N, C-alpha and C. Protein backbone atom coordinates (compact mmCIF):
# COMPACT_ATOMS: atom_id res chain seq x y z
N MET A 1 251.76 111.33 9.79
CA MET A 1 251.78 110.47 8.79
C MET A 1 250.70 110.13 8.09
N GLU A 2 251.19 110.20 6.82
CA GLU A 2 250.01 110.04 5.34
C GLU A 2 250.28 108.81 4.94
N ARG A 3 251.27 107.93 5.22
CA ARG A 3 251.61 106.64 4.11
C ARG A 3 252.00 105.56 5.27
N CYS A 4 251.18 104.62 5.00
CA CYS A 4 251.67 103.10 5.89
C CYS A 4 253.64 102.94 5.68
N TYR A 5 254.04 102.72 7.03
CA TYR A 5 255.44 102.72 7.09
C TYR A 5 255.55 101.42 6.58
N PHE A 6 254.91 100.28 6.08
CA PHE A 6 255.09 99.04 5.89
C PHE A 6 255.16 99.03 4.53
N CYS A 7 253.97 99.14 3.83
CA CYS A 7 253.51 99.13 2.34
C CYS A 7 253.42 100.16 1.69
N ASN A 8 253.55 101.25 2.44
CA ASN A 8 253.28 102.81 1.72
C ASN A 8 252.28 103.23 1.27
N GLY A 9 250.91 102.03 1.78
CA GLY A 9 249.34 102.69 1.61
C GLY A 9 249.30 103.84 2.39
N LYS A 10 247.57 104.12 1.72
CA LYS A 10 247.26 105.48 2.49
C LYS A 10 246.73 104.90 3.62
N LEU A 11 246.89 106.14 4.89
CA LEU A 11 245.75 105.79 6.24
C LEU A 11 244.68 106.69 6.02
N PHE A 12 243.70 106.00 6.99
CA PHE A 12 242.57 106.84 6.94
C PHE A 12 242.08 106.50 8.20
N PRO A 13 241.15 107.74 8.98
CA PRO A 13 241.15 107.59 10.26
C PRO A 13 239.83 106.62 10.64
N ARG A 14 240.19 106.05 11.50
CA ARG A 14 239.06 104.73 12.06
C ARG A 14 238.96 104.45 13.46
N LYS A 15 237.99 104.10 13.90
CA LYS A 15 237.91 103.32 15.46
C LYS A 15 238.35 102.46 15.45
N VAL A 16 239.38 102.02 16.41
CA VAL A 16 239.53 100.50 16.63
C VAL A 16 239.65 99.99 18.13
N ASP A 17 239.93 98.52 17.98
CA ASP A 17 239.93 97.94 19.37
C ASP A 17 241.42 97.52 19.51
N HIS A 18 241.78 97.88 20.73
CA HIS A 18 243.31 97.69 20.90
C HIS A 18 243.69 96.86 21.80
N LEU A 19 244.59 95.65 21.92
CA LEU A 19 245.22 94.80 23.18
C LEU A 19 246.13 95.36 23.60
N TYR A 20 246.18 95.77 24.78
CA TYR A 20 247.05 96.53 25.43
C TYR A 20 247.73 95.72 26.94
N SER A 21 248.95 95.49 27.10
CA SER A 21 249.35 95.18 27.95
C SER A 21 249.92 95.83 29.33
N TRP A 22 249.53 95.22 30.70
CA TRP A 22 249.82 96.37 31.37
C TRP A 22 250.11 95.55 33.12
N LYS A 23 251.19 95.59 33.01
CA LYS A 23 251.41 95.13 34.77
C LYS A 23 251.22 93.25 34.32
N GLU A 24 251.64 92.43 33.55
CA GLU A 24 251.50 91.30 33.31
C GLU A 24 249.84 90.96 33.17
N GLN A 25 249.00 91.71 32.68
CA GLN A 25 247.88 91.39 32.36
C GLN A 25 247.57 91.93 30.84
N VAL A 26 246.12 91.37 30.57
CA VAL A 26 246.18 92.43 29.00
C VAL A 26 244.81 92.39 29.04
N PHE A 27 244.65 94.23 28.43
CA PHE A 27 243.25 94.55 28.21
C PHE A 27 242.80 94.88 26.89
N LEU A 28 241.57 94.53 26.66
CA LEU A 28 241.21 95.21 25.37
C LEU A 28 240.54 96.87 25.56
N ILE A 29 240.74 97.77 25.08
CA ILE A 29 240.27 99.17 25.12
C ILE A 29 239.70 99.04 23.63
N LYS A 30 238.06 99.39 23.63
CA LYS A 30 237.79 99.76 22.79
C LYS A 30 237.32 101.32 22.06
N GLY A 31 237.66 101.32 21.17
CA GLY A 31 237.00 102.70 20.29
C GLY A 31 238.16 103.91 20.20
N LEU A 32 239.21 103.20 20.16
CA LEU A 32 240.40 104.57 20.17
C LEU A 32 240.23 104.59 18.56
N ASP A 33 240.80 106.49 18.73
CA ASP A 33 241.13 107.03 17.39
C ASP A 33 242.44 106.24 16.87
N ALA A 34 242.57 105.90 15.47
CA ALA A 34 243.56 105.44 15.15
C ALA A 34 243.55 105.65 13.39
N GLU A 35 245.03 105.73 12.69
CA GLU A 35 244.97 105.87 11.37
C GLU A 35 245.14 104.55 11.10
N VAL A 36 244.51 103.77 9.87
CA VAL A 36 244.44 102.62 9.63
C VAL A 36 245.10 102.56 8.36
N CYS A 37 245.70 101.31 7.68
CA CYS A 37 246.25 101.44 6.14
C CYS A 37 244.85 100.75 5.49
N GLU A 38 244.87 101.41 4.39
CA GLU A 38 243.92 100.74 3.96
C GLU A 38 244.44 99.60 2.94
N GLN A 39 245.68 99.44 2.43
CA GLN A 39 245.85 98.00 2.10
C GLN A 39 246.55 97.10 2.84
N CYS A 40 247.20 97.24 3.96
CA CYS A 40 247.56 96.14 4.66
C CYS A 40 247.01 96.09 6.32
N GLY A 41 246.25 97.16 6.36
CA GLY A 41 245.04 96.80 7.70
C GLY A 41 246.18 97.93 9.14
N GLU A 42 247.53 97.81 8.55
CA GLU A 42 248.42 98.41 9.90
C GLU A 42 247.58 99.52 10.71
N GLU A 43 247.76 99.49 12.10
CA GLU A 43 247.13 100.27 13.06
C GLU A 43 248.14 101.34 13.41
N TYR A 44 247.66 102.68 13.26
CA TYR A 44 248.85 103.35 13.59
C TYR A 44 247.66 104.31 14.99
N LEU A 45 248.18 104.25 16.28
CA LEU A 45 247.95 105.06 17.73
C LEU A 45 248.78 106.47 17.52
N GLY A 46 248.53 107.46 18.05
CA GLY A 46 249.16 108.17 17.81
C GLY A 46 249.46 108.75 19.42
N ALA A 47 250.45 109.82 19.78
CA ALA A 47 251.56 109.70 20.95
C ALA A 47 250.29 109.85 21.75
N ASP A 48 249.23 111.05 21.81
CA ASP A 48 248.44 111.66 22.83
C ASP A 48 247.29 110.50 22.91
N ILE A 49 247.28 109.50 22.22
CA ILE A 49 246.43 108.41 22.31
C ILE A 49 246.93 107.33 23.69
N LEU A 50 248.45 107.17 23.07
CA LEU A 50 248.96 106.20 23.86
C LEU A 50 249.35 106.46 25.60
N GLU A 51 249.58 108.01 25.64
CA GLU A 51 249.58 108.93 26.74
C GLU A 51 248.56 108.81 27.25
N HIS A 52 247.27 108.97 26.76
CA HIS A 52 245.82 108.90 27.32
C HIS A 52 245.95 107.35 27.86
N ILE A 53 246.23 106.09 27.23
CA ILE A 53 246.13 104.97 27.65
C ILE A 53 246.85 104.75 29.07
N ASP A 54 248.24 104.99 29.27
CA ASP A 54 248.93 104.84 29.96
C ASP A 54 248.24 105.69 31.73
N SER A 55 247.86 107.02 31.07
CA SER A 55 247.08 107.73 32.22
C SER A 55 245.90 106.73 32.79
N VAL A 56 245.50 106.41 31.73
CA VAL A 56 243.69 105.69 32.56
C VAL A 56 244.35 104.78 32.73
N MET A 57 245.36 103.54 32.42
CA MET A 57 245.68 102.36 33.51
C MET A 57 246.29 102.82 34.05
N ALA A 58 247.14 103.75 34.63
CA ALA A 58 247.72 104.14 36.16
C ALA A 58 246.65 104.59 37.12
N LYS A 59 245.37 105.00 36.45
CA LYS A 59 244.40 105.08 37.66
C LYS A 59 243.66 104.42 38.03
N GLY A 60 243.79 103.12 37.39
CA GLY A 60 242.98 101.81 37.59
C GLY A 60 241.58 102.12 37.75
N ARG A 61 241.18 102.39 36.86
CA ARG A 61 239.85 102.42 36.43
C ARG A 61 239.18 101.26 36.28
N GLU A 62 237.87 101.61 36.43
CA GLU A 62 236.72 100.14 36.41
C GLU A 62 237.07 99.67 35.16
N VAL A 63 236.61 98.35 35.54
CA VAL A 63 236.85 97.36 34.36
C VAL A 63 235.03 97.44 34.03
N LYS A 64 234.68 97.84 32.47
CA LYS A 64 233.36 97.53 32.14
C LYS A 64 232.89 96.21 31.88
N GLU A 65 233.50 95.23 31.40
CA GLU A 65 233.24 94.17 31.00
C GLU A 65 234.60 93.06 30.71
N PHE A 66 234.43 91.96 30.67
CA PHE A 66 235.17 90.82 30.57
C PHE A 66 234.99 90.20 29.15
N VAL A 67 236.09 89.32 28.45
CA VAL A 67 235.49 88.64 27.16
C VAL A 67 236.67 87.37 27.57
N TYR A 68 235.96 86.65 26.60
CA TYR A 68 237.14 85.28 26.35
C TYR A 68 237.85 85.08 25.80
N ILE A 69 238.72 84.66 26.00
CA ILE A 69 240.16 84.94 24.92
C ILE A 69 240.87 83.90 25.10
N PRO A 70 240.98 83.10 23.86
CA PRO A 70 241.21 81.46 24.01
C PRO A 70 242.81 82.06 23.76
N VAL A 71 243.95 81.36 24.48
CA VAL A 71 244.95 81.16 24.20
C VAL A 71 245.61 79.82 23.42
N LEU A 72 246.65 79.95 22.50
CA LEU A 72 247.20 79.05 21.56
C LEU A 72 248.91 79.37 22.30
N SER A 73 249.55 77.99 21.73
CA SER A 73 250.63 77.78 22.21
C SER A 73 251.24 78.04 20.70
N ALA A 74 252.22 78.09 20.66
CA ALA A 74 253.11 78.22 19.41
C ALA A 74 253.84 76.78 19.09
N ASN A 75 253.83 76.11 19.86
CA ASN A 75 254.49 74.65 19.66
C ASN A 75 253.46 73.87 18.70
């Protein structure tokens, strides 16, 4: 994919941090290879990256650090 699905902007390779839900928990995965739109910032992860994340999560890798994330209500 060379163009953003949403705004048709150009995509460039970049390292990103990604929030990932797994078994009712949320994990922050840092330093993933992605394509990022220069106009709107939409991030695209390749199928190989997503399969790798699933594999890592299924193996139960050791958590390297914890971060504090505020939770807001939509109401």
